[in-house]
Amino acid sequence: HLPGLPGLFVACAFSGTLSTVAASINALATVTYED
């Protein structure tokens, strides 16, 4: 019943995902290139 706050929670869940996935992609690219 509070406009915007459910969206904030889903953004909270997605924030963790975006950071984790981006870091993983960057790390995978690094080891593949270097190794």
PDB file of all heavy atoms in Angstrom:
ATOM      1  N   HIS A   1       0.814  -1.221   0.000  1.00  0.00           N
ATOM      2  CA  HIS A   1       0.000   0.000   0.000  1.00  0.00           C
ATOM      3  C   HIS A   1       0.845   1.268   0.000  1.00  0.00           C
ATOM      4  O   HIS A   1       0.309   2.376   0.024  1.00  0.00           O
ATOM      5  CB  HIS A   1      -0.911   0.008   1.231  1.00  0.00           C
ATOM      6  CG  HIS A   1      -0.160   0.063   2.534  1.00  0.00           C
ATOM      7  ND1 HIS A   1       0.656  -0.955   2.958  1.00  0.00           N
ATOM      8  CD2 HIS A   1      -0.105   1.032   3.493  1.00  0.00           C
ATOM      9  CE1 HIS A   1       1.188  -0.632   4.132  1.00  0.00           C
ATOM     10  NE2 HIS A   1       0.734   0.569   4.479  1.00  0.00           N
ATOM     11  N   LEU A   2       2.184   1.129  -0.025  1.00  0.00           N
ATOM     12  CA  LEU A   2       3.091   2.273  -0.007  1.00  0.00           C
ATOM     13  C   LEU A   2       3.785   2.372  -1.362  1.00  0.00           C
ATOM     14  O   LEU A   2       4.673   1.570  -1.659  1.00  0.00           O
ATOM     15  CB  LEU A   2       4.135   2.108   1.106  1.00  0.00           C
ATOM     16  CG  LEU A   2       3.567   2.012   2.533  1.00  0.00           C
ATOM     17  CD1 LEU A   2       4.667   1.669   3.517  1.00  0.00           C
ATOM     18  CD2 LEU A   2       2.875   3.315   2.928  1.00  0.00           C
ATOM     19  N   PRO A   3       3.408   3.308  -2.217  1.00  0.00           N
ATOM     20  CA  PRO A   3       3.945   3.392  -3.588  1.00  0.00           C
ATOM     21  C   PRO A   3       5.466   3.485  -3.615  1.00  0.00           C
ATOM     22  O   PRO A   3       6.065   4.283  -2.901  1.00  0.00           O
ATOM     23  CB  PRO A   3       3.303   4.681  -4.125  1.00  0.00           C
ATOM     24  CG  PRO A   3       2.075   4.879  -3.307  1.00  0.00           C
ATOM     25  CD  PRO A   3       2.417   4.364  -1.943  1.00  0.00           C
ATOM     26  N   GLY A   4       6.069   2.636  -4.420  1.00  0.00           N
ATOM     27  CA  GLY A   4       7.512   2.678  -4.631  1.00  0.00           C
ATOM     28  C   GLY A   4       8.315   1.759  -3.745  1.00  0.00           C
ATOM     29  O   GLY A   4       9.418   1.339  -4.125  1.00  0.00           O
ATOM     30  N   LEU A   5       7.809   1.406  -2.564  1.00  0.00           N
ATOM     31  CA  LEU A   5       8.611   0.603  -1.640  1.00  0.00           C
ATOM     32  C   LEU A   5       8.744  -0.860  -2.059  1.00  0.00           C
ATOM     33  O   LEU A   5       9.813  -1.452  -1.882  1.00  0.00           O
ATOM     34  CB  LEU A   5       8.048   0.715  -0.225  1.00  0.00           C
ATOM     35  CG  LEU A   5       8.206   2.102   0.414  1.00  0.00           C
ATOM     36  CD1 LEU A   5       7.773   2.078   1.868  1.00  0.00           C
ATOM     37  CD2 LEU A   5       9.633   2.615   0.293  1.00  0.00           C
ATOM     38  N   PRO A   6       7.696  -1.501  -2.602  1.00  0.00           N
ATOM     39  CA  PRO A   6       7.940  -2.842  -3.156  1.00  0.00           C
ATOM     40  C   PRO A   6       8.999  -2.825  -4.261  1.00  0.00           C
ATOM     41  O   PRO A   6       9.813  -3.739  -4.368  1.00  0.00           O
ATOM     42  CB  PRO A   6       6.563  -3.253  -3.697  1.00  0.00           C
ATOM     43  CG  PRO A   6       5.596  -2.489  -2.855  1.00  0.00           C
ATOM     44  CD  PRO A   6       6.253  -1.161  -2.617  1.00  0.00           C
ATOM     45  N   GLY A   7       8.974  -1.768  -5.069  1.00  0.00           N
ATOM     46  CA  GLY A   7       9.993  -1.635  -6.114  1.00  0.00           C
ATOM     47  C   GLY A   7      11.381  -1.493  -5.534  1.00  0.00           C
ATOM     48  O   GLY A   7      12.358  -1.998  -6.094  1.00  0.00           O
ATOM     49  N   LEU A   8      11.486  -0.819  -4.368  1.00  0.00           N
ATOM     50  CA  LEU A   8      12.778  -0.669  -3.710  1.00  0.00           C
ATOM     51  C   LEU A   8      13.306  -2.017  -3.241  1.00  0.00           C
ATOM     52  O   LEU A   8      14.496  -2.303  -3.364  1.00  0.00           O
ATOM     53  CB  LEU A   8      12.651   0.287  -2.521  1.00  0.00           C
ATOM     54  CG  LEU A   8      13.921   0.505  -1.692  1.00  0.00           C
ATOM     55  CD1 LEU A   8      15.013   1.133  -2.548  1.00  0.00           C
ATOM     56  CD2 LEU A   8      13.631   1.377  -0.475  1.00  0.00           C
ATOM     57  N   PHE A   9      12.415  -2.876  -2.718  1.00  0.00           N
ATOM     58  CA  PHE A   9      12.880  -4.186  -2.270  1.00  0.00           C
ATOM     59  C   PHE A   9      13.368  -5.042  -3.441  1.00  0.00           C
ATOM     60  O   PHE A   9      14.408  -5.687  -3.359  1.00  0.00           O
ATOM     61  CB  PHE A   9      11.785  -4.949  -1.529  1.00  0.00           C
ATOM     62  CG  PHE A   9      12.152  -6.387  -1.313  1.00  0.00           C
ATOM     63  CD1 PHE A   9      13.066  -6.747  -0.350  1.00  0.00           C
ATOM     64  CD2 PHE A   9      11.628  -7.380  -2.128  1.00  0.00           C
ATOM     65  CE1 PHE A   9      13.444  -8.062  -0.178  1.00  0.00           C
ATOM     66  CE2 PHE A   9      11.997  -8.692  -1.968  1.00  0.00           C
ATOM     67  CZ  PHE A   9      12.908  -9.044  -0.982  1.00  0.00           C
ATOM     68  N   VAL A  10      12.597  -5.064  -4.521  1.00  0.00           N
ATOM     69  CA  VAL A  10      13.026  -5.861  -5.673  1.00  0.00           C
ATOM     70  C   VAL A  10      14.335  -5.304  -6.220  1.00  0.00           C
ATOM     71  O   VAL A  10      15.222  -6.053  -6.647  1.00  0.00           O
ATOM     72  CB  VAL A  10      11.931  -5.888  -6.754  1.00  0.00           C
ATOM     73  CG1 VAL A  10      12.409  -6.642  -7.982  1.00  0.00           C
ATOM     74  CG2 VAL A  10      10.677  -6.552  -6.202  1.00  0.00           C
ATOM     75  N   ALA A  11      14.486  -3.973  -6.189  1.00  0.00           N
ATOM     76  CA  ALA A  11      15.767  -3.367  -6.583  1.00  0.00           C
ATOM     77  C   ALA A  11      16.873  -3.822  -5.635  1.00  0.00           C
ATOM     78  O   ALA A  11      18.020  -4.032  -6.058  1.00  0.00           O
ATOM     79  CB  ALA A  11      15.650  -1.847  -6.575  1.00  0.00           C
ATOM     80  N   CYS A  12      16.538  -3.992  -4.353  1.00  0.00           N
ATOM     81  CA  CYS A  12      17.507  -4.492  -3.367  1.00  0.00           C
ATOM     82  C   CYS A  12      17.994  -5.887  -3.756  1.00  0.00           C
ATOM     83  O   CYS A  12      19.193  -6.164  -3.755  1.00  0.00           O
ATOM     84  CB  CYS A  12      16.849  -4.505  -1.996  1.00  0.00           C
ATOM     85  SG  CYS A  12      17.732  -5.409  -0.708  1.00  0.00           S
ATOM     86  N   ALA A  13      17.066  -6.779  -4.103  1.00  0.00           N
ATOM     87  CA  ALA A  13      17.442  -8.133  -4.513  1.00  0.00           C
ATOM     88  C   ALA A  13      18.273  -8.110  -5.792  1.00  0.00           C
ATOM     89  O   ALA A  13      19.283  -8.809  -5.918  1.00  0.00           O
ATOM     90  CB  ALA A  13      16.192  -8.988  -4.712  1.00  0.00           C
ATOM     91  N   PHE A  14      17.867  -7.275  -6.740  1.00  0.00           N
ATOM     92  CA  PHE A  14      18.591  -7.200  -7.995  1.00  0.00           C
ATOM     93  C   PHE A  14      19.952  -6.538  -7.837  1.00  0.00           C
ATOM     94  O   PHE A  14      20.874  -6.821  -8.596  1.00  0.00           O
ATOM     95  CB  PHE A  14      17.760  -6.442  -9.036  1.00  0.00           C
ATOM     96  CG  PHE A  14      16.958  -7.342  -9.921  1.00  0.00           C
ATOM     97  CD1 PHE A  14      15.723  -7.801  -9.526  1.00  0.00           C
ATOM     98  CD2 PHE A  14      17.446  -7.754 -11.139  1.00  0.00           C
ATOM     99  CE1 PHE A  14      14.979  -8.639 -10.319  1.00  0.00           C
ATOM    100  CE2 PHE A  14      16.721  -8.602 -11.946  1.00  0.00           C
ATOM    101  CZ  PHE A  14      15.474  -9.048 -11.543  1.00  0.00           C
ATOM    102  N   SER A  15      20.098  -5.641  -6.856  1.00  0.00           N
ATOM    103  CA  SER A  15      21.383  -4.978  -6.649  1.00  0.00           C
ATOM    104  C   SER A  15      22.467  -5.995  -6.324  1.00  0.00           C
ATOM    105  O   SER A  15      23.574  -5.946  -6.869  1.00  0.00           O
ATOM    106  CB  SER A  15      21.268  -3.955  -5.515  1.00  0.00           C
ATOM    107  OG  SER A  15      20.483  -2.865  -5.888  1.00  0.00           O
ATOM    108  N   GLY A  16      22.151  -6.913  -5.402  1.00  0.00           N
ATOM    109  CA  GLY A  16      23.115  -7.942  -5.079  1.00  0.00           C
ATOM    110  C   GLY A  16      23.464  -8.802  -6.277  1.00  0.00           C
ATOM    111  O   GLY A  16      24.612  -9.184  -6.476  1.00  0.00           O
ATOM    112  N   THR A  17      22.460  -9.076  -7.089  1.00  0.00           N
ATOM    113  CA  THR A  17      22.698  -9.914  -8.256  1.00  0.00           C
ATOM    114  C   THR A  17      23.562  -9.226  -9.294  1.00  0.00           C
ATOM    115  O   THR A  17      24.508  -9.805  -9.822  1.00  0.00           O
ATOM    116  CB  THR A  17      21.360 -10.308  -8.883  1.00  0.00           C
ATOM    117  OG1 THR A  17      20.702 -11.183  -7.997  1.00  0.00           O
ATOM    118  CG2 THR A  17      21.569 -11.029 -10.197  1.00  0.00           C
ATOM    119  N   LEU A  18      23.224  -7.982  -9.608  1.00  0.00           N
ATOM    120  CA  LEU A  18      23.993  -7.260 -10.624  1.00  0.00           C
ATOM    121  C   LEU A  18      25.457  -7.178 -10.226  1.00  0.00           C
ATOM    122  O   LEU A  18      26.358  -7.387 -11.054  1.00  0.00           O
ATOM    123  CB  LEU A  18      23.415  -5.860 -10.814  1.00  0.00           C
ATOM    124  CG  LEU A  18      22.029  -5.772 -11.459  1.00  0.00           C
ATOM    125  CD1 LEU A  18      21.536  -4.328 -11.459  1.00  0.00           C
ATOM    126  CD2 LEU A  18      22.035  -6.323 -12.876  1.00  0.00           C
ATOM    127  N   SER A  19      25.733  -6.887  -8.941  1.00  0.00           N
ATOM    128  CA  SER A  19      27.117  -6.769  -8.493  1.00  0.00           C
ATOM    129  C   SER A  19      27.840  -8.112  -8.570  1.00  0.00           C
ATOM    130  O   SER A  19      28.987  -8.192  -9.013  1.00  0.00           O
ATOM    131  CB  SER A  19      27.176  -6.210  -7.074  1.00  0.00           C
ATOM    132  OG  SER A  19      26.518  -7.074  -6.171  1.00  0.00           O
ATOM    133  N   THR A  20      27.172  -9.176  -8.143  1.00  0.00           N
ATOM    134  CA  THR A  20      27.798 -10.498  -8.144  1.00  0.00           C
ATOM    135  C   THR A  20      28.064 -10.994  -9.560  1.00  0.00           C
ATOM    136  O   THR A  20      29.150 -11.489  -9.874  1.00  0.00           O
ATOM    137  CB  THR A  20      26.910 -11.512  -7.409  1.00  0.00           C
ATOM    138  OG1 THR A  20      26.675 -11.043  -6.089  1.00  0.00           O
ATOM    139  CG2 THR A  20      27.568 -12.879  -7.354  1.00  0.00           C
ATOM    140  N   VAL A  21      27.070 -10.854 -10.412  1.00  0.00           N
ATOM    141  CA  VAL A  21      27.216 -11.346 -11.780  1.00  0.00           C
ATOM    142  C   VAL A  21      28.282 -10.560 -12.529  1.00  0.00           C
ATOM    143  O   VAL A  21      29.120 -11.133 -13.236  1.00  0.00           O
ATOM    144  CB  VAL A  21      25.868 -11.282 -12.517  1.00  0.00           C
ATOM    145  CG1 VAL A  21      26.034 -11.662 -13.977  1.00  0.00           C
ATOM    146  CG2 VAL A  21      24.857 -12.203 -11.844  1.00  0.00           C
ATOM    147  N   ALA A  22      28.276  -9.230 -12.377  1.00  0.00           N
ATOM    148  CA  ALA A  22      29.274  -8.413 -13.069  1.00  0.00           C
ATOM    149  C   ALA A  22      30.681  -8.751 -12.594  1.00  0.00           C
ATOM    150  O   ALA A  22      31.615  -8.861 -13.399  1.00  0.00           O
ATOM    151  CB  ALA A  22      28.971  -6.936 -12.853  1.00  0.00           C
ATOM    152  N   ALA A  23      30.862  -8.918 -11.271  1.00  0.00           N
ATOM    153  CA  ALA A  23      32.177  -9.279 -10.744  1.00  0.00           C
ATOM    154  C   ALA A  23      32.613 -10.647 -11.255  1.00  0.00           C
ATOM    155  O   ALA A  23      33.789 -10.855 -11.578  1.00  0.00           O
ATOM    156  CB  ALA A  23      32.149  -9.260  -9.213  1.00  0.00           C
ATOM    157  N   SER A  24      31.679 -11.571 -11.332  1.00  0.00           N
ATOM    158  CA  SER A  24      32.004 -12.920 -11.823  1.00  0.00           C
ATOM    159  C   SER A  24      32.390 -12.892 -13.295  1.00  0.00           C
ATOM    160  O   SER A  24      33.357 -13.546 -13.709  1.00  0.00           O
ATOM    161  CB  SER A  24      30.806 -13.853 -11.617  1.00  0.00           C
ATOM    162  OG  SER A  24      30.509 -14.010 -10.253  1.00  0.00           O
ATOM    163  N   ILE A  25      31.633 -12.141 -14.077  1.00  0.00           N
ATOM    164  CA  ILE A  25      31.951 -12.032 -15.507  1.00  0.00           C
ATOM    165  C   ILE A  25      33.342 -11.437 -15.697  1.00  0.00           C
ATOM    166  O   ILE A  25      34.150 -11.919 -16.503  1.00  0.00           O
ATOM    167  CB  ILE A  25      30.894 -11.174 -16.225  1.00  0.00           C
ATOM    168  CG1 ILE A  25      29.558 -11.924 -16.280  1.00  0.00           C
ATOM    169  CG2 ILE A  25      31.352 -10.808 -17.640  1.00  0.00           C
ATOM    170  CD1 ILE A  25      28.405 -11.079 -16.794  1.00  0.00           C
ATOM    171  N   ASN A  26      33.642 -10.368 -14.949  1.00  0.00           N
ATOM    172  CA  ASN A  26      34.951  -9.731 -15.057  1.00  0.00           C
ATOM    173  C   ASN A  26      36.068 -10.688 -14.644  1.00  0.00           C
ATOM    174  O   ASN A  26      37.121 -10.761 -15.286  1.00  0.00           O
ATOM    175  CB  ASN A  26      34.967  -8.475 -14.177  1.00  0.00           C
ATOM    176  CG  ASN A  26      36.216  -7.644 -14.376  1.00  0.00           C
ATOM    177  OD1 ASN A  26      37.181  -7.774 -13.641  1.00  0.00           O
ATOM    178  ND2 ASN A  26      36.200  -6.783 -15.379  1.00  0.00           N
ATOM    179  N   ALA A  27      35.838 -11.452 -13.551  1.00  0.00           N
ATOM    180  CA  ALA A  27      36.851 -12.396 -13.089  1.00  0.00           C
ATOM    181  C   ALA A  27      37.049 -13.542 -14.081  1.00  0.00           C
ATOM    182  O   ALA A  27      38.178 -13.969 -14.339  1.00  0.00           O
ATOM    183  CB  ALA A  27      36.451 -12.948 -11.718  1.00  0.00           C
ATOM    184  N   LEU A  28      35.960 -14.045 -14.657  1.00  0.00           N
ATOM    185  CA  LEU A  28      36.070 -15.120 -15.650  1.00  0.00           C
ATOM    186  C   LEU A  28      36.832 -14.655 -16.881  1.00  0.00           C
ATOM    187  O   LEU A  28      37.659 -15.399 -17.434  1.00  0.00           O
ATOM    188  CB  LEU A  28      34.666 -15.602 -16.041  1.00  0.00           C
ATOM    189  CG  LEU A  28      33.919 -16.421 -14.995  1.00  0.00           C
ATOM    190  CD1 LEU A  28      32.448 -16.560 -15.365  1.00  0.00           C
ATOM    191  CD2 LEU A  28      34.553 -17.800 -14.823  1.00  0.00           C
ATOM    192  N   ALA A  29      36.548 -13.434 -17.316  1.00  0.00           N
ATOM    193  CA  ALA A  29      37.278 -12.886 -18.468  1.00  0.00           C
ATOM    194  C   ALA A  29      38.763 -12.752 -18.149  1.00  0.00           C
ATOM    195  O   ALA A  29      39.627 -13.031 -18.996  1.00  0.00           O
ATOM    196  CB  ALA A  29      36.693 -11.526 -18.857  1.00  0.00           C
ATOM    197  N   THR A  30      39.067 -12.360 -16.913  1.00  0.00           N
ATOM    198  CA  THR A  30      40.461 -12.174 -16.513  1.00  0.00           C
ATOM    199  C   THR A  30      41.234 -13.480 -16.528  1.00  0.00           C
ATOM    200  O   THR A  30      42.327 -13.566 -17.120  1.00  0.00           O
ATOM    201  CB  THR A  30      40.532 -11.550 -15.101  1.00  0.00           C
ATOM    202  OG1 THR A  30      39.866 -10.287 -15.111  1.00  0.00           O
ATOM    203  CG2 THR A  30      41.974 -11.350 -14.671  1.00  0.00           C
ATOM    204  N   VAL A  31      40.703 -14.522 -15.869  1.00  0.00           N
ATOM    205  CA  VAL A  31      41.446 -15.777 -15.801  1.00  0.00           C
ATOM    206  C   VAL A  31      41.546 -16.430 -17.182  1.00  0.00           C
ATOM    207  O   VAL A  31      42.557 -17.054 -17.505  1.00  0.00           O
ATOM    208  CB  VAL A  31      40.823 -16.754 -14.785  1.00  0.00           C
ATOM    209  CG1 VAL A  31      40.875 -16.174 -13.385  1.00  0.00           C
ATOM    210  CG2 VAL A  31      39.403 -17.129 -15.145  1.00  0.00           C
ATOM    211  N   THR A  32      40.512 -16.291 -17.991  1.00  0.00           N
ATOM    212  CA  THR A  32      40.571 -16.884 -19.333  1.00  0.00           C
ATOM    213  C   THR A  32      41.625 -16.195 -20.180  1.00  0.00           C
ATOM    214  O   THR A  32      42.407 -16.847 -20.892  1.00  0.00           O
ATOM    215  CB  THR A  32      39.198 -16.785 -20.020  1.00  0.00           C
ATOM    216  OG1 THR A  32      38.208 -17.426 -19.209  1.00  0.00           O
ATOM    217  CG2 THR A  32      39.229 -17.446 -21.387  1.00  0.00           C
ATOM    218  N   TYR A  33      41.663 -14.875 -20.094  1.00  0.00           N
ATOM    219  CA  TYR A  33      42.671 -14.135 -20.887  1.00  0.00           C
ATOM    220  C   TYR A  33      44.084 -14.412 -20.376  1.00  0.00           C
ATOM    221  O   TYR A  33      44.987 -14.732 -21.158  1.00  0.00           O
ATOM    222  CB  TYR A  33      42.382 -12.634 -20.830  1.00  0.00           C
ATOM    223  CG  TYR A  33      43.424 -11.820 -21.571  1.00  0.00           C
ATOM    224  CD1 TYR A  33      43.416 -11.758 -22.961  1.00  0.00           C
ATOM    225  CD2 TYR A  33      44.444 -11.154 -20.879  1.00  0.00           C
ATOM    226  CE1 TYR A  33      44.396 -11.046 -23.643  1.00  0.00           C
ATOM    227  CE2 TYR A  33      45.425 -10.444 -21.559  1.00  0.00           C
ATOM    228  CZ  TYR A  33      45.389 -10.392 -22.937  1.00  0.00           C
ATOM    229  OH  TYR A  33      46.350  -9.693 -23.615  1.00  0.00           O
ATOM    230  N   GLU A  34      44.277 -14.310 -19.047  1.00  0.00           N
ATOM    231  CA  GLU A  34      45.618 -14.439 -18.488  1.00  0.00           C
ATOM    232  C   GLU A  34      46.131 -15.872 -18.531  1.00  0.00           C
ATOM    233  O   GLU A  34      47.317 -16.106 -18.780  1.00  0.00           O
ATOM    234  CB  GLU A  34      45.623 -13.940 -17.033  1.00  0.00           C
ATOM    235  CG  GLU A  34      45.391 -12.446 -16.882  1.00  0.00           C
ATOM    236  CD  GLU A  34      46.572 -11.626 -17.362  1.00  0.00           C
ATOM    237  OE1 GLU A  34      47.716 -12.151 -17.317  1.00  0.00           O
ATOM    238  OE2 GLU A  34      46.364 -10.472 -17.782  1.00  0.00           O
ATOM    239  N   ASP A  35      45.252 -16.855 -18.277  1.00  0.00           N
ATOM    240  CA  ASP A  35      45.706 -18.239 -18.132  1.00  0.00           C
ATOM    241  C   ASP A  35      45.687 -19.036 -19.426  1.00  0.00           C
ATOM    242  O   ASP A  35      46.338 -20.087 -19.511  1.00  0.00           O
ATOM    243  CB  ASP A  35      44.848 -18.962 -17.090  1.00  0.00           C
ATOM    244  CG  ASP A  35      45.000 -18.361 -15.702  1.00  0.00           C
ATOM    245  OD1 ASP A  35      45.955 -17.599 -15.494  1.00  0.00           O
ATOM    246  OD2 ASP A  35      44.154 -18.642 -14.834  1.00  0.00           O
TER     247      ASP A  35
END
